[in-house]
Amino acid sequence: MSDYEIGVYNKHVRETIRNGDDWDEEQSGISKDFENVLYFPIRNASSILEVEERSARSFPSSQGYVIDYIRLVGRTE
């Protein structure tokens, strides 16, 4: 098993804010912080495929989330 770090942003948030409009966090349920890449740990994954699957459940592309990168940060025995 390995530990990974993912970087995630939201394309809808990014586009809205960068076009100069306000993002409505209450209505969307998505923080305006997702304009930028935010980093999250994914622990004890057996493969990058598992990381992608787990990430997709937490950050669905249908809601505008983009997984910017996946990085291996350590292996566990």
PDB file of N, CA and C in Angstrom:
ATOM      1  N   MET A   1       0.843  -1.185   0.000  1.00  0.00           N
ATOM      2  CA  MET A   1       0.000   0.000   0.000  1.00  0.00           C
ATOM      3  C   MET A   1       0.886   1.245   0.000  1.00  0.00           C
ATOM      4  N   SER A   2       0.339   2.292  -0.570  1.00  0.00           N
ATOM      5  CA  SER A   2       1.098   3.540  -0.675  1.00  0.00           C
ATOM      6  C   SER A   2       0.226   4.728  -0.311  1.00  0.00           C
ATOM      7  N   ASP A   3       0.897   5.805   0.062  1.00  0.00           N
ATOM      8  CA  ASP A   3       0.214   7.064   0.331  1.00  0.00           C
ATOM      9  C   ASP A   3       0.474   8.016  -0.826  1.00  0.00           C
ATOM     10  N   TYR A   4      -0.559   8.747  -1.189  1.00  0.00           N
ATOM     11  CA  TYR A   4      -0.485   9.668  -2.307  1.00  0.00           C
ATOM     12  C   TYR A   4      -0.996  11.043  -1.877  1.00  0.00           C
ATOM     13  N   GLU A   5      -0.701  12.028  -2.688  1.00  0.00           N
ATOM     14  CA  GLU A   5      -1.275  13.362  -2.521  1.00  0.00           C
ATOM     15  C   GLU A   5      -1.896  13.731  -3.863  1.00  0.00           C
ATOM     16  N   ILE A   6      -3.101  14.296  -3.800  1.00  0.00           N
ATOM     17  CA  ILE A   6      -3.747  14.753  -5.029  1.00  0.00           C
ATOM     18  C   ILE A   6      -3.917  16.268  -4.966  1.00  0.00           C
ATOM     19  N   GLY A   7      -3.916  16.871  -6.132  1.00  0.00           N
ATOM     20  CA  GLY A   7      -4.209  18.289  -6.265  1.00  0.00           C
ATOM     21  C   GLY A   7      -5.509  18.431  -7.042  1.00  0.00           C
ATOM     22  N   VAL A   8      -6.448  19.197  -6.494  1.00  0.00           N
ATOM     23  CA  VAL A   8      -7.792  19.301  -7.069  1.00  0.00           C
ATOM     24  C   VAL A   8      -8.202  20.770  -7.162  1.00  0.00           C
ATOM     25  N   TYR A   9      -8.829  21.136  -8.281  1.00  0.00           N
ATOM     26  CA  TYR A   9      -9.487  22.434  -8.384  1.00  0.00           C
ATOM     27  C   TYR A   9     -10.852  22.220  -9.014  1.00  0.00           C
ATOM     28  N   ASN A  10     -11.662  23.273  -9.026  1.00  0.00           N
ATOM     29  CA  ASN A  10     -12.983  23.181  -9.643  1.00  0.00           C
ATOM     30  C   ASN A  10     -13.045  24.150 -10.808  1.00  0.00           C
ATOM     31  N   LYS A  11     -13.290  23.616 -12.003  1.00  0.00           N
ATOM     32  CA  LYS A  11     -13.267  24.448 -13.204  1.00  0.00           C
ATOM     33  C   LYS A  11     -14.387  25.476 -13.223  1.00  0.00           C
ATOM     34  N   HIS A  12     -15.533  25.183 -12.611  1.00  0.00           N
ATOM     35  CA  HIS A  12     -16.630  26.149 -12.588  1.00  0.00           C
ATOM     36  C   HIS A  12     -16.297  27.320 -11.667  1.00  0.00           C
ATOM     37  N   VAL A  13     -15.730  27.011 -10.504  1.00  0.00           N
ATOM     38  CA  VAL A  13     -15.319  28.061  -9.570  1.00  0.00           C
ATOM     39  C   VAL A  13     -14.251  28.925 -10.217  1.00  0.00           C
ATOM     40  N   ARG A  14     -13.250  28.274 -10.784  1.00  0.00           N
ATOM     41  CA  ARG A  14     -12.128  28.991 -11.399  1.00  0.00           C
ATOM     42  C   ARG A  14     -12.610  29.920 -12.508  1.00  0.00           C
ATOM     43  N   GLU A  15     -13.424  29.412 -13.388  1.00  0.00           N
ATOM     44  CA  GLU A  15     -13.918  30.210 -14.514  1.00  0.00           C
ATOM     45  C   GLU A  15     -14.748  31.400 -14.037  1.00  0.00           C
ATOM     46  N   THR A  16     -15.630  31.162 -13.088  1.00  0.00           N
ATOM     47  CA  THR A  16     -16.501  32.225 -12.567  1.00  0.00           C
ATOM     48  C   THR A  16     -15.691  33.343 -11.937  1.00  0.00           C
ATOM     49  N   ILE A  17     -14.783  32.976 -11.043  1.00  0.00           N
ATOM     50  CA  ILE A  17     -13.999  33.989 -10.339  1.00  0.00           C
ATOM     51  C   ILE A  17     -13.049  34.707 -11.279  1.00  0.00           C
ATOM     52  N   ARG A  18     -12.430  33.999 -12.171  1.00  0.00           N
ATOM     53  CA  ARG A  18     -11.469  34.624 -13.088  1.00  0.00           C
ATOM     54  C   ARG A  18     -12.137  35.480 -14.152  1.00  0.00           C
ATOM     55  N   ASN A  19     -13.441  35.295 -14.326  1.00  0.00           N
ATOM     56  CA  ASN A  19     -14.205  36.179 -15.212  1.00  0.00           C
ATOM     57  C   ASN A  19     -14.710  37.411 -14.472  1.00  0.00           C
ATOM     58  N   GLY A  20     -14.372  37.497 -13.174  1.00  0.00           N
ATOM     59  CA  GLY A  20     -14.741  38.665 -12.387  1.00  0.00           C
ATOM     60  C   GLY A  20     -16.089  38.582 -11.705  1.00  0.00           C
ATOM     61  N   ASP A  21     -16.710  37.416 -11.744  1.00  0.00           N
ATOM     62  CA  ASP A  21     -18.010  37.239 -11.107  1.00  0.00           C
ATOM     63  C   ASP A  21     -17.834  36.666  -9.700  1.00  0.00           C
ATOM     64  N   ASP A  22     -18.869  36.798  -8.896  1.00  0.00           N
ATOM     65  CA  ASP A  22     -18.852  36.245  -7.549  1.00  0.00           C
ATOM     66  C   ASP A  22     -19.299  34.788  -7.571  1.00  0.00           C
ATOM     67  N   TRP A  23     -18.671  33.971  -6.744  1.00  0.00           N
ATOM     68  CA  TRP A  23     -19.047  32.566  -6.605  1.00  0.00           C
ATOM     69  C   TRP A  23     -19.943  32.422  -5.383  1.00  0.00           C
ATOM     70  N   ASP A  24     -21.091  31.803  -5.544  1.00  0.00           N
ATOM     71  CA  ASP A  24     -22.035  31.608  -4.449  1.00  0.00           C
ATOM     72  C   ASP A  24     -21.792  30.257  -3.784  1.00  0.00           C
ATOM     73  N   GLU A  25     -21.021  30.280  -2.695  1.00  0.00           N
ATOM     74  CA  GLU A  25     -20.690  29.048  -1.987  1.00  0.00           C
ATOM     75  C   GLU A  25     -21.919  28.387  -1.385  1.00  0.00           C
ATOM     76  N   GLU A  26     -22.833  29.184  -0.855  1.00  0.00           N
ATOM     77  CA  GLU A  26     -24.022  28.611  -0.217  1.00  0.00           C
ATOM     78  C   GLU A  26     -24.891  27.862  -1.211  1.00  0.00           C
ATOM     79  N   GLN A  27     -25.103  28.447  -2.369  1.00  0.00           N
ATOM     80  CA  GLN A  27     -25.958  27.810  -3.368  1.00  0.00           C
ATOM     81  C   GLN A  27     -25.281  26.577  -3.974  1.00  0.00           C
ATOM     82  N   SER A  28     -23.997  26.672  -4.245  1.00  0.00           N
ATOM     83  CA  SER A  28     -23.303  25.577  -4.925  1.00  0.00           C
ATOM     84  C   SER A  28     -22.834  24.483  -3.971  1.00  0.00           C
ATOM     85  N   GLY A  29     -22.551  24.862  -2.718  1.00  0.00           N
ATOM     86  CA  GLY A  29     -21.989  23.904  -1.780  1.00  0.00           C
ATOM     87  C   GLY A  29     -20.509  23.644  -1.994  1.00  0.00           C
ATOM     88  N   ILE A  30     -19.885  24.461  -2.844  1.00  0.00           N
ATOM     89  CA  ILE A  30     -18.458  24.302  -3.161  1.00  0.00           C
ATOM     90  C   ILE A  30     -17.730  25.585  -2.776  1.00  0.00           C
ATOM     91  N   SER A  31     -16.662  25.430  -2.015  1.00  0.00           N
ATOM     92  CA  SER A  31     -15.890  26.576  -1.542  1.00  0.00           C
ATOM     93  C   SER A  31     -15.209  27.314  -2.690  1.00  0.00           C
ATOM     94  N   LYS A  32     -15.138  28.635  -2.573  1.00  0.00           N
ATOM     95  CA  LYS A  32     -14.427  29.418  -3.579  1.00  0.00           C
ATOM     96  C   LYS A  32     -12.929  29.141  -3.545  1.00  0.00           C
ATOM     97  N   ASP A  33     -12.451  28.504  -2.487  1.00  0.00           N
ATOM     98  CA  ASP A  33     -11.039  28.120  -2.408  1.00  0.00           C
ATOM     99  C   ASP A  33     -10.647  27.179  -3.544  1.00  0.00           C
ATOM    100  N   PHE A  34     -11.618  26.475  -4.105  1.00  0.00           N
ATOM    101  CA  PHE A  34     -11.343  25.549  -5.203  1.00  0.00           C
ATOM    102  C   PHE A  34     -11.027  26.261  -6.519  1.00  0.00           C
ATOM    103  N   GLU A  35     -10.953  27.596  -6.509  1.00  0.00           N
ATOM    104  CA  GLU A  35     -10.424  28.296  -7.684  1.00  0.00           C
ATOM    105  C   GLU A  35      -8.978  27.850  -7.909  1.00  0.00           C
ATOM    106  N   ASN A  36      -8.279  27.642  -6.813  1.00  0.00           N
ATOM    107  CA  ASN A  36      -6.883  27.214  -6.856  1.00  0.00           C
ATOM    108  C   ASN A  36      -6.791  25.720  -6.570  1.00  0.00           C
ATOM    109  N   VAL A  37      -5.638  25.163  -6.847  1.00  0.00           N
ATOM    110  CA  VAL A  37      -5.418  23.746  -6.553  1.00  0.00           C
ATOM    111  C   VAL A  37      -5.296  23.568  -5.045  1.00  0.00           C
ATOM    112  N   LEU A  38      -6.099  22.666  -4.508  1.00  0.00           N
ATOM    113  CA  LEU A  38      -6.031  22.296  -3.098  1.00  0.00           C
ATOM    114  C   LEU A  38      -5.480  20.877  -3.016  1.00  0.00           C
ATOM    115  N   TYR A  39      -4.771  20.595  -1.941  1.00  0.00           N
ATOM    116  CA  TYR A  39      -4.056  19.335  -1.808  1.00  0.00           C
ATOM    117  C   TYR A  39      -4.698  18.459  -0.734  1.00  0.00           C
ATOM    118  N   PHE A  40      -4.830  17.170  -1.056  1.00  0.00           N
ATOM    119  CA  PHE A  40      -5.476  16.223  -0.159  1.00  0.00           C
ATOM    120  C   PHE A  40      -4.690  14.915  -0.137  1.00  0.00           C
ATOM    121  N   PRO A  41      -4.561  14.307   1.045  1.00  0.00           N
ATOM    122  CA  PRO A  41      -3.891  13.007   1.115  1.00  0.00           C
ATOM    123  C   PRO A  41      -4.853  11.874   0.751  1.00  0.00           C
ATOM    124  N   ILE A  42      -4.317  10.879   0.111  1.00  0.00           N
ATOM    125  CA  ILE A  42      -5.027   9.627  -0.135  1.00  0.00           C
ATOM    126  C   ILE A  42      -4.136   8.543   0.466  1.00  0.00           C
ATOM    127  N   ARG A  43      -4.600   7.937   1.531  1.00  0.00           N
ATOM    128  CA  ARG A  43      -3.776   6.990   2.282  1.00  0.00           C
ATOM    129  C   ARG A  43      -4.121   5.540   1.926  1.00  0.00           C
ATOM    130  N   ASN A  44      -3.098   4.716   2.009  1.00  0.00           N
ATOM    131  CA  ASN A  44      -3.247   3.259   1.861  1.00  0.00           C
ATOM    132  C   ASN A  44      -3.939   2.845   0.569  1.00  0.00           C
ATOM    133  N   ALA A  45      -3.463   3.362  -0.538  1.00  0.00           N
ATOM    134  CA  ALA A  45      -4.004   2.967  -1.840  1.00  0.00           C
ATOM    135  C   ALA A  45      -3.083   1.927  -2.466  1.00  0.00           C
ATOM    136  N   SER A  46      -3.667   0.970  -3.142  1.00  0.00           N
ATOM    137  CA  SER A  46      -2.878  -0.104  -3.743  1.00  0.00           C
ATOM    138  C   SER A  46      -2.310   0.283  -5.110  1.00  0.00           C
ATOM    139  N   SER A  47      -2.879   1.315  -5.742  1.00  0.00           N
ATOM    140  CA  SER A  47      -2.422   1.717  -7.075  1.00  0.00           C
ATOM    141  C   SER A  47      -2.933   3.121  -7.409  1.00  0.00           C
ATOM    142  N   ILE A  48      -2.387   3.671  -8.472  1.00  0.00           N
ATOM    143  CA  ILE A  48      -2.872   4.975  -8.937  1.00  0.00           C
ATOM    144  C   ILE A  48      -4.324   4.850  -9.389  1.00  0.00           C
ATOM    145  N   LEU A  49      -4.680   3.716  -9.960  1.00  0.00           N
ATOM    146  CA  LEU A  49      -6.077   3.497 -10.365  1.00  0.00           C
ATOM    147  C   LEU A  49      -7.008   3.614  -9.162  1.00  0.00           C
ATOM    148  N   GLU A  50      -6.615   3.031  -8.039  1.00  0.00           N
ATOM    149  CA  GLU A  50      -7.437   3.155  -6.838  1.00  0.00           C
ATOM    150  C   GLU A  50      -7.521   4.613  -6.380  1.00  0.00           C
ATOM    151  N   VAL A  51      -6.409   5.330  -6.466  1.00  0.00           N
ATOM    152  CA  VAL A  51      -6.408   6.750  -6.110  1.00  0.00           C
ATOM    153  C   VAL A  51      -7.387   7.513  -7.010  1.00  0.00           C
ATOM    154  N   GLU A  52      -7.348   7.243  -8.294  1.00  0.00           N
ATOM    155  CA  GLU A  52      -8.264   7.907  -9.233  1.00  0.00           C
ATOM    156  C   GLU A  52      -9.716   7.599  -8.902  1.00  0.00           C
ATOM    157  N   GLU A  53     -10.008   6.351  -8.589  1.00  0.00           N
ATOM    158  CA  GLU A  53     -11.383   5.959  -8.262  1.00  0.00           C
ATOM    159  C   GLU A  53     -11.858   6.625  -6.975  1.00  0.00           C
ATOM    160  N   ARG A  54     -11.022   6.626  -5.950  1.00  0.00           N
ATOM    161  CA  ARG A  54     -11.396   7.249  -4.680  1.00  0.00           C
ATOM    162  C   ARG A  54     -11.548   8.756  -4.843  1.00  0.00           C
ATOM    163  N   SER A  55     -10.661   9.353  -5.621  1.00  0.00           N
ATOM    164  CA  SER A  55     -10.722  10.798  -5.866  1.00  0.00           C
ATOM    165  C   SER A  55     -11.999  11.174  -6.604  1.00  0.00           C
ATOM    166  N   ALA A  56     -12.382  10.355  -7.577  1.00  0.00           N
ATOM    167  CA  ALA A  56     -13.586  10.627  -8.362  1.00  0.00           C
ATOM    168  C   ALA A  56     -14.848  10.572  -7.501  1.00  0.00           C
ATOM    169  N   ARG A  57     -14.844   9.726  -6.482  1.00  0.00           N
ATOM    170  CA  ARG A  57     -15.997   9.672  -5.577  1.00  0.00           C
ATOM    171  C   ARG A  57     -16.074  10.927  -4.707  1.00  0.00           C
ATOM    172  N   SER A  58     -14.927  11.409  -4.258  1.00  0.00           N
ATOM    173  CA  SER A  58     -14.897  12.595  -3.403  1.00  0.00           C
ATOM    174  C   SER A  58     -15.030  13.895  -4.183  1.00  0.00           C
ATOM    175  N   PHE A  59     -14.490  13.894  -5.399  1.00  0.00           N
ATOM    176  CA  PHE A  59     -14.459  15.107  -6.224  1.00  0.00           C
ATOM    177  C   PHE A  59     -14.956  14.768  -7.633  1.00  0.00           C
ATOM    178  N   PRO A  60     -16.275  14.618  -7.794  1.00  0.00           N
ATOM    179  CA  PRO A  60     -16.813  14.177  -9.094  1.00  0.00           C
ATOM    180  C   PRO A  60     -16.623  15.215 -10.209  1.00  0.00           C
ATOM    181  N   SER A  61     -16.176  14.730 -11.350  1.00  0.00           N
ATOM    182  CA  SER A  61     -15.981  15.618 -12.502  1.00  0.00           C
ATOM    183  C   SER A  61     -17.313  16.214 -12.961  1.00  0.00           C
ATOM    184  N   SER A  62     -18.407  15.528 -12.687  1.00  0.00           N
ATOM    185  CA  SER A  62     -19.726  16.049 -13.065  1.00  0.00           C
ATOM    186  C   SER A  62     -20.067  17.338 -12.319  1.00  0.00           C
ATOM    187  N   GLN A  63     -19.373  17.601 -11.209  1.00  0.00           N
ATOM    188  CA  GLN A  63     -19.575  18.834 -10.460  1.00  0.00           C
ATOM    189  C   GLN A  63     -18.464  19.847 -10.733  1.00  0.00           C
ATOM    190  N   GLY A  64     -17.637  19.552 -11.732  1.00  0.00           N
ATOM    191  CA  GLY A  64     -16.608  20.497 -12.156  1.00  0.00           C
ATOM    192  C   GLY A  64     -15.233  20.288 -11.558  1.00  0.00           C
ATOM    193  N   TYR A  65     -15.066  19.264 -10.735  1.00  0.00           N
ATOM    194  CA  TYR A  65     -13.757  19.029 -10.120  1.00  0.00           C
ATOM    195  C   TYR A  65     -12.776  18.452 -11.139  1.00  0.00           C
ATOM    196  N   VAL A  66     -11.537  18.894 -11.031  1.00  0.00           N
ATOM    197  CA  VAL A  66     -10.472  18.413 -11.899  1.00  0.00           C
ATOM    198  C   VAL A  66      -9.332  17.937 -11.006  1.00  0.00           C
ATOM    199  N   ILE A  67      -8.900  16.700 -11.213  1.00  0.00           N
ATOM    200  CA  ILE A  67      -7.728  16.190 -10.505  1.00  0.00           C
ATOM    201  C   ILE A  67      -6.521  16.664 -11.309  1.00  0.00           C
ATOM    202  N   ASP A  68      -5.809  17.636 -10.750  1.00  0.00           N
ATOM    203  CA  ASP A  68      -4.693  18.271 -11.446  1.00  0.00           C
ATOM    204  C   ASP A  68      -3.450  17.385 -11.443  1.00  0.00           C
ATOM    205  N   TYR A  69      -3.237  16.676 -10.351  1.00  0.00           N
ATOM    206  CA  TYR A  69      -2.097  15.764 -10.301  1.00  0.00           C
ATOM    207  C   TYR A  69      -2.273  14.743  -9.188  1.00  0.00           C
ATOM    208  N   ILE A  70      -1.494  13.672  -9.309  1.00  0.00           N
ATOM    209  CA  ILE A  70      -1.414  12.637  -8.282  1.00  0.00           C
ATOM    210  C   ILE A  70       0.069  12.394  -8.040  1.00  0.00           C
ATOM    211  N   ARG A  71       0.454  12.395  -6.761  1.00  0.00           N
ATOM    212  CA  ARG A  71       1.874  12.224  -6.434  1.00  0.00           C
ATOM    213  C   ARG A  71       2.023  11.177  -5.343  1.00  0.00           C
ATOM    214  N   LEU A  72       2.946  10.239  -5.564  1.00  0.00           N
ATOM    215  CA  LEU A  72       3.276   9.244  -4.560  1.00  0.00           C
ATOM    216  C   LEU A  72       4.101   9.920  -3.473  1.00  0.00           C
ATOM    217  N   VAL A  73       3.686   9.768  -2.207  1.00  0.00           N
ATOM    218  CA  VAL A  73       4.442  10.388  -1.121  1.00  0.00           C
ATOM    219  C   VAL A  73       5.069   9.383  -0.165  1.00  0.00           C
ATOM    220  N   GLY A  74       4.693   8.131  -0.246  1.00  0.00           N
ATOM    221  CA  GLY A  74       5.312   7.126   0.610  1.00  0.00           C
ATOM    222  C   GLY A  74       4.672   5.773   0.480  1.00  0.00           C
ATOM    223  N   ARG A  75       5.443   4.786   0.846  1.00  0.00           N
ATOM    224  CA  ARG A  75       4.942   3.408   0.822  1.00  0.00           C
ATOM    225  C   ARG A  75       4.838   2.918   2.258  1.00  0.00           C
ATOM    226  N   THR A  76       3.798   2.129   2.494  1.00  0.00           N
ATOM    227  CA  THR A  76       3.631   1.525   3.811  1.00  0.00           C
ATOM    228  C   THR A  76       3.782   0.016   3.661  1.00  0.00           C
ATOM    229  N   GLU A  77       4.276  -0.583   4.668  1.00  0.00           N
ATOM    230  CA  GLU A  77       4.486  -2.048   4.640  1.00  0.00           C
ATOM    231  C   GLU A  77       3.233  -2.766   5.032  1.00  0.00           C
TER     232      GLU A  77
END
